[in-house]
PDB file of N, CA and C in Angstrom:
ATOM      1  N   MET A   1      27.288 -36.120  23.823  1.00  0.00           N
ATOM      2  CA  MET A   1      28.911 -35.304  24.204  1.00  0.00           C
ATOM      3  C   MET A   1      28.213 -34.383  25.424  1.00  0.00           C
ATOM      4  N   SER A   2      29.127 -34.377  26.627  1.00  0.00           N
ATOM      5  CA  SER A   2      28.269 -33.909  27.962  1.00  0.00           C
ATOM      6  C   SER A   2      28.400 -32.363  27.414  1.00  0.00           C
ATOM      7  N   ILE A   3      27.620 -31.411  28.631  1.00  0.00           N
ATOM      8  CA  ILE A   3      27.704 -30.078  28.562  1.00  0.00           C
ATOM      9  C   ILE A   3      29.186 -29.517  28.937  1.00  0.00           C
ATOM     10  N   LYS A   4      30.087 -30.070  29.819  1.00  0.00           N
ATOM     11  CA  LYS A   4      30.962 -29.839  29.982  1.00  0.00           C
ATOM     12  C   LYS A   4      32.070 -29.649  29.027  1.00  0.00           C
ATOM     13  N   GLN A   5      32.087 -31.031  28.131  1.00  0.00           N
ATOM     14  CA  GLN A   5      32.817 -31.237  27.082  1.00  0.00           C
ATOM     15  C   GLN A   5      32.564 -30.161  25.934  1.00  0.00           C
ATOM     16  N   GLN A   6      31.089 -29.838  25.723  1.00  0.00           N
ATOM     17  CA  GLN A   6      30.943 -28.919  24.943  1.00  0.00           C
ATOM     18  C   GLN A   6      31.483 -27.515  25.412  1.00  0.00           C
ATOM     19  N   ARG A   7      31.379 -27.044  25.957  1.00  0.00           N
ATOM     20  CA  ARG A   7      31.865 -25.653  27.004  1.00  0.00           C
ATOM     21  C   ARG A   7      33.273 -25.922  26.554  1.00  0.00           C
ATOM     22  N   MET A   8      33.926 -26.824  26.959  1.00  0.00           N
ATOM     23  CA  MET A   8      35.639 -26.821  26.473  1.00  0.00           C
ATOM     24  C   MET A   8      35.764 -26.825  25.565  1.00  0.00           C
ATOM     25  N   ASN A   9      34.940 -27.361  24.194  1.00  0.00           N
ATOM     26  CA  ASN A   9      35.260 -27.502  23.041  1.00  0.00           C
ATOM     27  C   ASN A   9      35.622 -26.078  22.566  1.00  0.00           C
ATOM     28  N   GLU A  10      34.554 -25.464  22.894  1.00  0.00           N
ATOM     29  CA  GLU A  10      33.991 -23.850  22.536  1.00  0.00           C
ATOM     30  C   GLU A  10      35.461 -22.856  23.083  1.00  0.00           C
ATOM     31  N   ARG A  11      35.583 -23.401  24.172  1.00  0.00           N
ATOM     32  CA  ARG A  11      36.701 -22.518  24.827  1.00  0.00           C
ATOM     33  C   ARG A  11      37.899 -22.540  24.594  1.00  0.00           C
ATOM     34  N   ILE A  12      38.167 -24.086  23.957  1.00  0.00           N
ATOM     35  CA  ILE A  12      39.720 -24.110  23.541  1.00  0.00           C
ATOM     36  C   ILE A  12      39.432 -23.563  22.043  1.00  0.00           C
ATOM     37  N   GLN A  13      38.219 -23.835  21.213  1.00  0.00           N
ATOM     38  CA  GLN A  13      38.448 -23.182  20.044  1.00  0.00           C
ATOM     39  C   GLN A  13      38.891 -21.470  20.441  1.00  0.00           C
ATOM     40  N   GLN A  14      38.197 -20.900  21.179  1.00  0.00           N
ATOM     41  CA  GLN A  14      38.268 -19.182  21.244  1.00  0.00           C
ATOM     42  C   GLN A  14      39.673 -19.042  21.631  1.00  0.00           C
ATOM     43  N   ILE A  15      40.272 -19.991  22.756  1.00  0.00           N
ATOM     44  CA  ILE A  15      41.718 -19.696  23.264  1.00  0.00           C
ATOM     45  C   ILE A  15      42.674 -19.505  22.190  1.00  0.00           C
ATOM     46  N   LEU A  16      42.269 -20.779  21.191  1.00  0.00           N
ATOM     47  CA  LEU A  16      43.630 -21.205  20.045  1.00  0.00           C
ATOM     48  C   LEU A  16      43.323 -20.057  19.039  1.00  0.00           C
ATOM     49  N   SER A  17      41.952 -19.449  18.812  1.00  0.00           N
ATOM     50  CA  SER A  17      41.908 -18.165  18.100  1.00  0.00           C
ATOM     51  C   SER A  17      42.625 -17.277  18.170  1.00  0.00           C
ATOM     52  N   GLN A  18      42.270 -16.615  19.325  1.00  0.00           N
ATOM     53  CA  GLN A  18      43.020 -15.533  19.986  1.00  0.00           C
ATOM     54  C   GLN A  18      44.818 -15.873  19.522  1.00  0.00           C
ATOM     55  N   LEU A  19      44.997 -16.955  20.063  1.00  0.00           N
ATOM     56  CA  LEU A  19      46.631 -17.095  20.127  1.00  0.00           C
ATOM     57  C   LEU A  19      46.819 -17.018  18.710  1.00  0.00           C
ATOM     58  N   LEU A  20      46.147 -17.640  17.912  1.00  0.00           N
ATOM     59  CA  LEU A  20      46.633 -17.524  16.216  1.00  0.00           C
ATOM     60  C   LEU A  20      46.692 -16.310  15.745  1.00  0.00           C
ATOM     61  N   GLN A  21      45.731 -15.287  16.416  1.00  0.00           N
ATOM     62  CA  GLN A  21      46.046 -13.639  16.061  1.00  0.00           C
ATOM     63  C   GLN A  21      46.795 -13.232  16.595  1.00  0.00           C
ATOM     64  N   ARG A  22      46.966 -13.316  17.811  1.00  0.00           N
ATOM     65  CA  ARG A  22      47.712 -12.184  18.424  1.00  0.00           C
ATOM     66  C   ARG A  22      49.271 -12.772  18.720  1.00  0.00           C
ATOM     67  N   GLU A  23      49.504 -14.012  18.800  1.00  0.00           N
ATOM     68  CA  GLU A  23      50.674 -14.496  19.536  1.00  0.00           C
ATOM     69  C   GLU A  23      51.412 -15.369  18.686  1.00  0.00           C
ATOM     70  N   ILE A  24      51.158 -15.739  17.351  1.00  0.00           N
ATOM     71  CA  ILE A  24      51.740 -16.799  16.452  1.00  0.00           C
ATOM     72  C   ILE A  24      52.403 -15.499  15.110  1.00  0.00           C
ATOM     73  N   ALA A  25      53.854 -15.518  15.163  1.00  0.00           N
ATOM     74  CA  ALA A  25      54.234 -14.767  14.032  1.00  0.00           C
ATOM     75  C   ALA A  25      54.734 -15.606  12.895  1.00  0.00           C
ATOM     76  N   ASP A  26      54.245 -16.768  12.921  1.00  0.00           N
ATOM     77  CA  ASP A  26      54.450 -17.779  11.617  1.00  0.00           C
ATOM     78  C   ASP A  26      53.961 -17.136  10.461  1.00  0.00           C
ATOM     79  N   PRO A  27      54.370 -17.018   9.390  1.00  0.00           N
ATOM     80  CA  PRO A  27      53.450 -16.298   8.136  1.00  0.00           C
ATOM     81  C   PRO A  27      52.787 -17.988   7.758  1.00  0.00           C
ATOM     82  N   ARG A  28      52.916 -19.110   8.186  1.00  0.00           N
ATOM     83  CA  ARG A  28      52.156 -19.790   7.772  1.00  0.00           C
ATOM     84  C   ARG A  28      50.925 -20.169   8.045  1.00  0.00           C
ATOM     85  N   LEU A  29      50.702 -19.354   9.435  1.00  0.00           N
ATOM     86  CA  LEU A  29      49.896 -19.866   9.856  1.00  0.00           C
ATOM     87  C   LEU A  29      48.682 -18.504   9.698  1.00  0.00           C
ATOM     88  N   ARG A  30      49.180 -17.496   8.774  1.00  0.00           N
ATOM     89  CA  ARG A  30      48.098 -16.359   8.555  1.00  0.00           C
ATOM     90  C   ARG A  30      46.860 -16.798   8.145  1.00  0.00           C
ATOM     91  N   ASP A  31      46.024 -15.894   8.231  1.00  0.00           N
ATOM     92  CA  ASP A  31      44.580 -16.499   7.775  1.00  0.00           C
ATOM     93  C   ASP A  31      44.019 -17.814   7.857  1.00  0.00           C
ATOM     94  N   VAL A  32      44.206 -18.399   9.043  1.00  0.00           N
ATOM     95  CA  VAL A  32      43.959 -19.520   8.959  1.00  0.00           C
ATOM     96  C   VAL A  32      43.066 -19.493  10.326  1.00  0.00           C
ATOM     97  N   THR A  33      41.905 -20.362   9.880  1.00  0.00           N
ATOM     98  CA  THR A  33      40.418 -20.580  10.847  1.00  0.00           C
ATOM     99  C   THR A  33      40.480 -21.897  11.467  1.00  0.00           C
ATOM    100  N   ILE A  34      40.404 -21.535  13.101  1.00  0.00           N
ATOM    101  CA  ILE A  34      40.011 -23.084  13.799  1.00  0.00           C
ATOM    102  C   ILE A  34      38.376 -23.169  13.523  1.00  0.00           C
ATOM    103  N   THR A  35      37.853 -24.215  12.941  1.00  0.00           N
ATOM    104  CA  THR A  35      36.537 -24.423  12.477  1.00  0.00           C
ATOM    105  C   THR A  35      35.910 -25.245  13.501  1.00  0.00           C
ATOM    106  N   GLU A  36      36.646 -26.272  14.310  1.00  0.00           N
ATOM    107  CA  GLU A  36      36.175 -27.036  15.504  1.00  0.00           C
ATOM    108  C   GLU A  36      37.041 -27.834  16.300  1.00  0.00           C
ATOM    109  N   VAL A  37      36.653 -27.783  17.367  1.00  0.00           N
ATOM    110  CA  VAL A  37      37.801 -28.628  18.350  1.00  0.00           C
ATOM    111  C   VAL A  37      36.583 -29.492  18.822  1.00  0.00           C
ATOM    112  N   ARG A  38      37.394 -31.049  19.032  1.00  0.00           N
ATOM    113  CA  ARG A  38      36.402 -32.077  19.353  1.00  0.00           C
ATOM    114  C   ARG A  38      37.568 -32.456  20.445  1.00  0.00           C
ATOM    115  N   LEU A  39      36.944 -32.908  22.164  1.00  0.00           N
ATOM    116  CA  LEU A  39      37.645 -33.210  22.911  1.00  0.00           C
ATOM    117  C   LEU A  39      37.742 -34.208  23.105  1.00  0.00           C
ATOM    118  N   ASP A  40      38.167 -35.285  23.351  1.00  0.00           N
ATOM    119  CA  ASP A  40      37.878 -36.973  23.973  1.00  0.00           C
ATOM    120  C   ASP A  40      37.094 -36.990  25.197  1.00  0.00           C
ATOM    121  N   PRO A  41      36.497 -38.072  25.801  1.00  0.00           N
ATOM    122  CA  PRO A  41      35.745 -37.849  26.627  1.00  0.00           C
ATOM    123  C   PRO A  41      36.570 -37.772  28.214  1.00  0.00           C
ATOM    124  N   GLU A  42      37.534 -37.955  27.972  1.00  0.00           N
ATOM    125  CA  GLU A  42      38.560 -38.100  28.915  1.00  0.00           C
ATOM    126  C   GLU A  42      39.087 -36.676  29.069  1.00  0.00           C
ATOM    127  N   LEU A  43      38.871 -36.021  27.902  1.00  0.00           N
ATOM    128  CA  LEU A  43      39.336 -34.305  28.394  1.00  0.00           C
ATOM    129  C   LEU A  43      41.195 -34.159  27.861  1.00  0.00           C
ATOM    130  N   LEU A  44      41.350 -35.528  27.690  1.00  0.00           N
ATOM    131  CA  LEU A  44      42.961 -35.484  27.420  1.00  0.00           C
ATOM    132  C   LEU A  44      43.369 -35.339  26.229  1.00  0.00           C
ATOM    133  N   ALA A  45      42.506 -35.520  25.077  1.00  0.00           N
ATOM    134  CA  ALA A  45      43.305 -34.713  24.032  1.00  0.00           C
ATOM    135  C   ALA A  45      41.971 -34.252  22.585  1.00  0.00           C
ATOM    136  N   ALA A  46      42.501 -33.297  22.216  1.00  0.00           N
ATOM    137  CA  ALA A  46      41.559 -32.530  21.505  1.00  0.00           C
ATOM    138  C   ALA A  46      42.155 -32.455  19.907  1.00  0.00           C
ATOM    139  N   LYS A  47      40.902 -32.667  19.387  1.00  0.00           N
ATOM    140  CA  LYS A  47      41.421 -33.132  17.528  1.00  0.00           C
ATOM    141  C   LYS A  47      41.093 -31.501  16.962  1.00  0.00           C
ATOM    142  N   VAL A  48      41.497 -30.389  16.662  1.00  0.00           N
ATOM    143  CA  VAL A  48      41.940 -29.198  15.877  1.00  0.00           C
ATOM    144  C   VAL A  48      41.488 -28.913  14.664  1.00  0.00           C
ATOM    145  N   TYR A  49      40.415 -28.863  13.913  1.00  0.00           N
ATOM    146  CA  TYR A  49      39.961 -28.645  12.477  1.00  0.00           C
ATOM    147  C   TYR A  49      40.118 -27.061  12.368  1.00  0.00           C
ATOM    148  N   VAL A  50      41.411 -27.540  11.482  1.00  0.00           N
ATOM    149  CA  VAL A  50      41.617 -25.753  10.489  1.00  0.00           C
ATOM    150  C   VAL A  50      41.383 -25.937   9.246  1.00  0.00           C
ATOM    151  N   SER A  51      41.254 -24.555   8.657  1.00  0.00           N
ATOM    152  CA  SER A  51      41.203 -24.141   7.239  1.00  0.00           C
ATOM    153  C   SER A  51      41.946 -23.053   7.398  1.00  0.00           C
ATOM    154  N   ALA A  52      42.201 -22.686   5.741  1.00  0.00           N
ATOM    155  CA  ALA A  52      42.876 -21.514   5.654  1.00  0.00           C
ATOM    156  C   ALA A  52      42.266 -20.739   4.509  1.00  0.00           C
ATOM    157  N   MET A  53      42.138 -19.991   4.533  1.00  0.00           N
ATOM    158  CA  MET A  53      41.661 -18.916   3.316  1.00  0.00           C
ATOM    159  C   MET A  53      42.383 -19.251   1.772  1.00  0.00           C
ATOM    160  N   GLY A  54      41.797 -19.185   0.837  1.00  0.00           N
ATOM    161  CA  GLY A  54      42.448 -19.451  -0.413  1.00  0.00           C
ATOM    162  C   GLY A  54      42.536 -20.850  -0.758  1.00  0.00           C
ATOM    163  N   ASP A  55      43.260 -21.344  -1.408  1.00  0.00           N
ATOM    164  CA  ASP A  55      43.225 -22.846  -1.780  1.00  0.00           C
ATOM    165  C   ASP A  55      43.548 -24.217  -1.120  1.00  0.00           C
ATOM    166  N   GLU A  56      43.356 -25.292  -1.186  1.00  0.00           N
ATOM    167  CA  GLU A  56      43.636 -26.383  -0.260  1.00  0.00           C
ATOM    168  C   GLU A  56      45.339 -26.715  -0.710  1.00  0.00           C
ATOM    169  N   SER A  57      45.847 -25.759  -1.649  1.00  0.00           N
ATOM    170  CA  SER A  57      47.882 -26.541  -1.896  1.00  0.00           C
ATOM    171  C   SER A  57      48.264 -26.099  -0.759  1.00  0.00           C
ATOM    172  N   ARG A  58      47.568 -25.136   0.575  1.00  0.00           N
ATOM    173  CA  ARG A  58      48.208 -24.580   1.428  1.00  0.00           C
ATOM    174  C   ARG A  58      48.003 -25.563   2.860  1.00  0.00           C
ATOM    175  N   GLU A  59      47.072 -26.554   2.427  1.00  0.00           N
ATOM    176  CA  GLU A  59      47.645 -27.295   3.448  1.00  0.00           C
ATOM    177  C   GLU A  59      48.238 -27.959   4.418  1.00  0.00           C
ATOM    178  N   GLN A  60      49.364 -28.602   3.241  1.00  0.00           N
ATOM    179  CA  GLN A  60      50.699 -28.585   4.124  1.00  0.00           C
ATOM    180  C   GLN A  60      51.593 -27.805   4.708  1.00  0.00           C
ATOM    181  N   GLU A  61      51.334 -26.737   3.672  1.00  0.00           N
ATOM    182  CA  GLU A  61      52.047 -25.675   4.416  1.00  0.00           C
ATOM    183  C   GLU A  61      51.801 -25.516   5.758  1.00  0.00           C
ATOM    184  N   VAL A  62      50.483 -25.337   6.243  1.00  0.00           N
ATOM    185  CA  VAL A  62      49.640 -25.079   7.160  1.00  0.00           C
ATOM    186  C   VAL A  62      49.770 -26.013   8.411  1.00  0.00           C
ATOM    187  N   MET A  63      49.804 -27.263   7.871  1.00  0.00           N
ATOM    188  CA  MET A  63      50.174 -28.703   8.929  1.00  0.00           C
ATOM    189  C   MET A  63      51.612 -28.277   9.525  1.00  0.00           C
ATOM    190  N   LYS A  64      52.640 -28.130   8.824  1.00  0.00           N
ATOM    191  CA  LYS A  64      53.770 -27.950   9.253  1.00  0.00           C
ATOM    192  C   LYS A  64      54.163 -26.839  10.475  1.00  0.00           C
ATOM    193  N   GLY A  65      53.152 -25.427  10.142  1.00  0.00           N
ATOM    194  CA  GLY A  65      53.045 -24.456  11.041  1.00  0.00           C
ATOM    195  C   GLY A  65      52.675 -25.116  11.895  1.00  0.00           C
ATOM    196  N   PHE A  66      51.697 -25.937  12.203  1.00  0.00           N
ATOM    197  CA  PHE A  66      50.693 -26.404  13.519  1.00  0.00           C
ATOM    198  C   PHE A  66      51.430 -27.239  14.380  1.00  0.00           C
ATOM    199  N   ARG A  67      52.394 -27.865  13.722  1.00  0.00           N
ATOM    200  CA  ARG A  67      53.535 -28.948  13.866  1.00  0.00           C
ATOM    201  C   ARG A  67      54.323 -28.334  14.859  1.00  0.00           C
ATOM    202  N   ARG A  68      54.732 -26.947  14.383  1.00  0.00           N
ATOM    203  CA  ARG A  68      56.006 -26.505  14.657  1.00  0.00           C
ATOM    204  C   ARG A  68      55.316 -25.636  16.409  1.00  0.00           C
ATOM    205  N   ALA A  69      54.163 -25.178  15.897  1.00  0.00           N
ATOM    206  CA  ALA A  69      53.882 -24.344  16.670  1.00  0.00           C
ATOM    207  C   ALA A  69      52.947 -25.245  17.997  1.00  0.00           C
ATOM    208  N   ARG A  70      52.573 -26.328  17.922  1.00  0.00           N
ATOM    209  CA  ARG A  70      51.668 -27.178  18.892  1.00  0.00           C
ATOM    210  C   ARG A  70      52.239 -26.968  20.380  1.00  0.00           C
ATOM    211  N   GLY A  71      53.804 -27.120  20.603  1.00  0.00           N
ATOM    212  CA  GLY A  71      54.097 -26.846  21.852  1.00  0.00           C
ATOM    213  C   GLY A  71      53.644 -25.608  22.546  1.00  0.00           C
ATOM    214  N   PHE A  72      53.848 -24.437  21.840  1.00  0.00           N
ATOM    215  CA  PHE A  72      53.692 -23.408  22.479  1.00  0.00           C
ATOM    216  C   PHE A  72      52.177 -23.119  22.447  1.00  0.00           C
ATOM    217  N   LEU A  73      51.335 -23.659  21.741  1.00  0.00           N
ATOM    218  CA  LEU A  73      49.825 -23.507  21.570  1.00  0.00           C
ATOM    219  C   LEU A  73      49.324 -24.405  23.299  1.00  0.00           C
ATOM    220  N   ARG A  74      50.111 -25.512  23.204  1.00  0.00           N
ATOM    221  CA  ARG A  74      49.645 -26.165  24.385  1.00  0.00           C
ATOM    222  C   ARG A  74      49.879 -25.764  25.329  1.00  0.00           C
ATOM    223  N   ARG A  75      51.147 -25.039  25.822  1.00  0.00           N
ATOM    224  CA  ARG A  75      51.516 -24.490  27.196  1.00  0.00           C
ATOM    225  C   ARG A  75      50.623 -23.303  27.173  1.00  0.00           C
ATOM    226  N   GLU A  76      50.266 -22.401  26.305  1.00  0.00           N
ATOM    227  CA  GLU A  76      49.645 -21.005  26.736  1.00  0.00           C
ATOM    228  C   GLU A  76      47.838 -21.456  26.610  1.00  0.00           C
ATOM    229  N   LEU A  77      47.556 -22.605  26.106  1.00  0.00           N
ATOM    230  CA  LEU A  77      46.585 -23.187  26.421  1.00  0.00           C
ATOM    231  C   LEU A  77      46.297 -23.472  27.675  1.00  0.00           C
ATOM    232  N   GLY A  78      47.124 -24.297  28.315  1.00  0.00           N
ATOM    233  CA  GLY A  78      47.097 -24.493  29.722  1.00  0.00           C
ATOM    234  C   GLY A  78      47.249 -23.264  30.861  1.00  0.00           C
ATOM    235  N   LYS A  79      48.014 -22.172  30.459  1.00  0.00           N
ATOM    236  CA  LYS A  79      47.744 -20.880  31.614  1.00  0.00           C
ATOM    237  C   LYS A  79      46.361 -20.459  31.145  1.00  0.00           C
ATOM    238  N   ARG A  80      45.379 -21.022  30.355  1.00  0.00           N
ATOM    239  CA  ARG A  80      44.248 -20.047  30.098  1.00  0.00           C
ATOM    240  C   ARG A  80      43.299 -20.871  30.586  1.00  0.00           C
ATOM    241  N   ILE A  81      43.080 -22.143  30.488  1.00  0.00           N
ATOM    242  CA  ILE A  81      41.987 -22.957  30.608  1.00  0.00           C
ATOM    243  C   ILE A  81      42.234 -23.742  31.997  1.00  0.00           C
ATOM    244  N   ARG A  82      41.120 -24.018  32.724  1.00  0.00           N
ATOM    245  CA  ARG A  82      41.208 -25.001  33.891  1.00  0.00           C
ATOM    246  C   ARG A  82      40.256 -26.185  33.818  1.00  0.00           C
ATOM    247  N   LEU A  83      41.658 -26.988  33.831  1.00  0.00           N
ATOM    248  CA  LEU A  83      41.600 -28.436  33.722  1.00  0.00           C
ATOM    249  C   LEU A  83      42.348 -29.013  33.975  1.00  0.00           C
ATOM    250  N   ARG A  84      42.457 -30.488  34.473  1.00  0.00           N
ATOM    251  CA  ARG A  84      43.595 -30.791  35.763  1.00  0.00           C
ATOM    252  C   ARG A  84      44.544 -31.473  34.830  1.00  0.00           C
ATOM    253  N   HIS A  85      44.407 -31.447  33.549  1.00  0.00           N
ATOM    254  CA  HIS A  85      45.851 -31.860  32.434  1.00  0.00           C
ATOM    255  C   HIS A  85      45.475 -30.977  31.209  1.00  0.00           C
ATOM    256  N   THR A  86      45.862 -30.512  30.918  1.00  0.00           N
ATOM    257  CA  THR A  86      46.102 -29.794  29.395  1.00  0.00           C
ATOM    258  C   THR A  86      46.030 -30.894  28.229  1.00  0.00           C
ATOM    259  N   PRO A  87      44.911 -30.886  27.636  1.00  0.00           N
ATOM    260  CA  PRO A  87      44.621 -31.746  26.020  1.00  0.00           C
ATOM    261  C   PRO A  87      45.694 -31.350  25.494  1.00  0.00           C
ATOM    262  N   GLU A  88      46.185 -32.914  25.129  1.00  0.00           N
ATOM    263  CA  GLU A  88      46.905 -32.794  23.988  1.00  0.00           C
ATOM    264  C   GLU A  88      46.865 -32.536  22.515  1.00  0.00           C
ATOM    265  N   LEU A  89      46.799 -31.611  21.769  1.00  0.00           N
ATOM    266  CA  LEU A  89      46.762 -30.733  20.780  1.00  0.00           C
ATOM    267  C   LEU A  89      46.632 -32.194  18.943  1.00  0.00           C
ATOM    268  N   HIS A  90      45.955 -32.132  18.231  1.00  0.00           N
ATOM    269  CA  HIS A  90      46.160 -33.002  17.134  1.00  0.00           C
ATOM    270  C   HIS A  90      45.398 -31.984  15.794  1.00  0.00           C
ATOM    271  N   PHE A  91      45.950 -31.469  15.207  1.00  0.00           N
ATOM    272  CA  PHE A  91      45.550 -30.944  14.364  1.00  0.00           C
ATOM    273  C   PHE A  91      44.984 -31.529  12.447  1.00  0.00           C
ATOM    274  N   ASP A  92      44.161 -31.269  12.009  1.00  0.00           N
ATOM    275  CA  ASP A  92      43.715 -31.735  11.161  1.00  0.00           C
ATOM    276  C   ASP A  92      43.020 -30.547  10.012  1.00  0.00           C
ATOM    277  N   TRP A  93      43.281 -30.752   8.920  1.00  0.00           N
ATOM    278  CA  TRP A  93      42.485 -30.248   8.199  1.00  0.00           C
ATOM    279  C   TRP A  93      41.355 -30.469   7.858  1.00  0.00           C
ATOM    280  N   ASP A  94      40.529 -29.365   7.999  1.00  0.00           N
ATOM    281  CA  ASP A  94      38.946 -29.258   7.592  1.00  0.00           C
ATOM    282  C   ASP A  94      38.692 -29.424   6.250  1.00  0.00           C
ATOM    283  N   HIS A  95      37.957 -30.503   5.717  1.00  0.00           N
ATOM    284  CA  HIS A  95      37.575 -30.762   4.400  1.00  0.00           C
ATOM    285  C   HIS A  95      36.337 -30.081   3.891  1.00  0.00           C
ATOM    286  N   SER A  96      35.462 -30.036   4.962  1.00  0.00           N
ATOM    287  CA  SER A  96      34.190 -29.833   4.897  1.00  0.00           C
ATOM    288  C   SER A  96      33.488 -28.403   4.026  1.00  0.00           C
ATOM    289  N   LEU A  97      34.451 -27.570   4.175  1.00  0.00           N
ATOM    290  CA  LEU A  97      34.561 -26.348   3.598  1.00  0.00           C
ATOM    291  C   LEU A  97      34.948 -26.591   1.867  1.00  0.00           C
ATOM    292  N   ALA A  98      35.453 -27.328   1.323  1.00  0.00           N
ATOM    293  CA  ALA A  98      35.624 -27.477   0.125  1.00  0.00           C
ATOM    294  C   ALA A  98      34.887 -28.881  -0.500  1.00  0.00           C
ATOM    295  N   GLN A  99      34.149 -29.381   0.270  1.00  0.00           N
ATOM    296  CA  GLN A  99      32.540 -30.344   0.214  1.00  0.00           C
ATOM    297  C   GLN A  99      31.547 -29.664   0.172  1.00  0.00           C
ATOM    298  N   ALA A 100      31.470 -28.529   0.764  1.00  0.00           N
ATOM    299  CA  ALA A 100      30.619 -27.706   0.350  1.00  0.00           C
ATOM    300  C   ALA A 100      30.103 -27.009  -0.672  1.00  0.00           C
ATOM    301  N   ASP A 101      31.404 -26.567  -0.945  1.00  0.00           N
ATOM    302  CA  ASP A 101      31.789 -25.533  -2.182  1.00  0.00           C
ATOM    303  C   ASP A 101      31.151 -26.222  -3.135  1.00  0.00           C
ATOM    304  N   ARG A 102      31.806 -27.712  -3.595  1.00  0.00           N
ATOM    305  CA  ARG A 102      31.792 -28.476  -4.597  1.00  0.00           C
ATOM    306  C   ARG A 102      30.518 -28.930  -4.752  1.00  0.00           C
ATOM    307  N   ILE A 103      29.565 -29.014  -3.869  1.00  0.00           N
ATOM    308  CA  ILE A 103      28.109 -29.483  -3.590  1.00  0.00           C
ATOM    309  C   ILE A 103      27.389 -28.286  -4.379  1.00  0.00           C
ATOM    310  N   ASN A 104      27.612 -27.004  -3.876  1.00  0.00           N
ATOM    311  CA  ASN A 104      26.906 -26.089  -4.547  1.00  0.00           C
ATOM    312  C   ASN A 104      27.332 -25.697  -5.889  1.00  0.00           C
ATOM    313  N   GLN A 105      28.578 -26.050  -6.179  1.00  0.00           N
ATOM    314  CA  GLN A 105      29.009 -25.808  -7.816  1.00  0.00           C
ATOM    315  C   GLN A 105      28.289 -26.990  -8.643  1.00  0.00           C
ATOM    316  N   LEU A 106      28.013 -28.046  -7.743  1.00  0.00           N
ATOM    317  CA  LEU A 106      26.979 -29.146  -8.970  1.00  0.00           C
ATOM    318  C   LEU A 106      25.979 -28.632  -8.672  1.00  0.00           C
ATOM    319  N   ILE A 107      25.278 -28.320  -7.554  1.00  0.00           N
ATOM    320  CA  ILE A 107      23.610 -27.427  -7.841  1.00  0.00           C
ATOM    321  C   ILE A 107      23.765 -26.181  -8.598  1.00  0.00           C
ATOM    322  N   ALA A 108      24.544 -25.349  -8.777  1.00  0.00           N
ATOM    323  CA  ALA A 108      24.678 -24.159  -9.552  1.00  0.00           C
ATOM    324  C   ALA A 108      24.344 -24.519 -10.905  1.00  0.00           C
ATOM    325  N   GLY A 109      25.457 -25.801 -11.248  1.00  0.00           N
ATOM    326  CA  GLY A 109      25.259 -26.546 -12.990  1.00  0.00           C
ATOM    327  C   GLY A 109      24.135 -27.383 -13.227  1.00  0.00           C
ATOM    328  N   LEU A 110      23.258 -27.497 -12.348  1.00  0.00           N
ATOM    329  CA  LEU A 110      21.912 -28.000 -12.770  1.00  0.00           C
ATOM    330  C   LEU A 110      21.238 -27.176 -13.721  1.00  0.00           C
ATOM    331  N   ASP A 111      20.494 -28.133 -14.647  1.00  0.00           N
ATOM    332  CA  ASP A 111      19.647 -27.116 -15.407  1.00  0.00           C
ATOM    333  C   ASP A 111      18.180 -27.256 -14.839  1.00  0.00           C
ATOM    334  N   ILE A 112      17.973 -26.629 -14.171  1.00  0.00           N
ATOM    335  CA  ILE A 112      16.548 -26.705 -13.458  1.00  0.00           C
ATOM    336  C   ILE A 112      15.830 -25.256 -14.117  1.00  0.00           C
ATOM    337  N   PRO A 113      14.607 -25.593 -14.195  1.00  0.00           N
ATOM    338  CA  PRO A 113      14.033 -24.386 -15.032  1.00  0.00           C
ATOM    339  C   PRO A 113      13.365 -23.384 -13.771  1.00  0.00           C
ATOM    340  N   ALA A 114      13.571 -21.999 -14.183  1.00  0.00           N
ATOM    341  CA  ALA A 114      12.966 -21.329 -12.791  1.00  0.00           C
ATOM    342  C   ALA A 114      11.385 -21.498 -12.679  1.00  0.00           C
ATOM    343  N   GLU A 115      11.161 -21.076 -11.493  1.00  0.00           N
ATOM    344  CA  GLU A 115       9.404 -21.004 -11.400  1.00  0.00           C
ATOM    345  C   GLU A 115       8.922 -20.068 -11.520  1.00  0.00           C
ATOM    346  N   THR A 116       7.768 -20.338 -12.268  1.00  0.00           N
ATOM    347  CA  THR A 116       6.930 -18.788 -12.776  1.00  0.00           C
ATOM    348  C   THR A 116       5.885 -18.668 -11.748  1.00  0.00           C
ATOM    349  N   GLU A 117       5.452 -17.582 -11.532  1.00  0.00           N
ATOM    350  CA  GLU A 117       4.137 -17.460 -10.849  1.00  0.00           C
ATOM    351  C   GLU A 117       3.292 -17.961 -10.998  1.00  0.00           C
ATOM    352  N   ALA A 118       2.782 -18.555 -12.241  1.00  0.00           N
ATOM    353  CA  ALA A 118       1.527 -19.681 -12.334  1.00  0.00           C
ATOM    354  C   ALA A 118       1.849 -20.702 -11.507  1.00  0.00           C
ATOM    355  N   ASP A 119       3.191 -21.139 -11.942  1.00  0.00           N
ATOM    356  CA  ASP A 119       3.669 -22.368 -11.029  1.00  0.00           C
ATOM    357  C   ASP A 119       3.849 -22.479  -9.063  1.00  0.00           C
ATOM    358  N   ARG A 120       3.512 -21.197  -8.970  1.00  0.00           N
ATOM    359  CA  ARG A 120       3.173 -21.153  -7.248  1.00  0.00           C
ATOM    360  C   ARG A 120       2.282 -20.938  -7.167  1.00  0.00           C
ATOM    361  N   ASP A 121       1.151 -20.645  -7.630  1.00  0.00           N
ATOM    362  CA  ASP A 121      -0.244 -20.542  -7.976  1.00  0.00           C
ATOM    363  C   ASP A 121      -1.093 -21.547  -8.100  1.00  0.00           C
ATOM    364  N   ALA A 122      -0.655 -22.750  -8.423  1.00  0.00           N
ATOM    365  CA  ALA A 122      -0.867 -23.782  -9.224  1.00  0.00           C
ATOM    366  C   ALA A 122      -1.319 -24.873  -8.050  1.00  0.00           C
ATOM    367  N   PRO A 123      -2.474 -25.356  -8.055  1.00  0.00           N
ATOM    368  CA  PRO A 123      -3.079 -25.910  -6.628  1.00  0.00           C
ATOM    369  C   PRO A 123      -1.992 -27.638  -6.625  1.00  0.00           C
ATOM    370  N   ARG A 124      -1.554 -27.950  -5.665  1.00  0.00           N
ATOM    371  CA  ARG A 124      -0.482 -29.124  -5.605  1.00  0.00           C
ATOM    372  C   ARG A 124      -1.086 -30.026  -5.130  1.00  0.00           C
TER     373      ARG A 124
END
């Protein structure tokens, strides 16, 4: 990934996050976080990964909200960013947070004895 592409990813994420906080009134998009943006090499399309507070049952509701707001978000992004073409926005649910939570639950469920001071001082 080029430096320009990386900077544009970060800038688009910042702008979309601000738009969500300040200009979108749709209740489906409350407490939604833009976790990552990935522009294609030609800078014509952007995958926008999102997650929401609460459980994953909101996924369909949130994605409907983004489908409805997509045109507005793209138009406002175009006003705030310097690119020849405003990238087409494609919203996807970010499942990595749920996967990380599941891994943490599995680790917490392991029966691993606590390390004692004698174990720490023993030569290896």
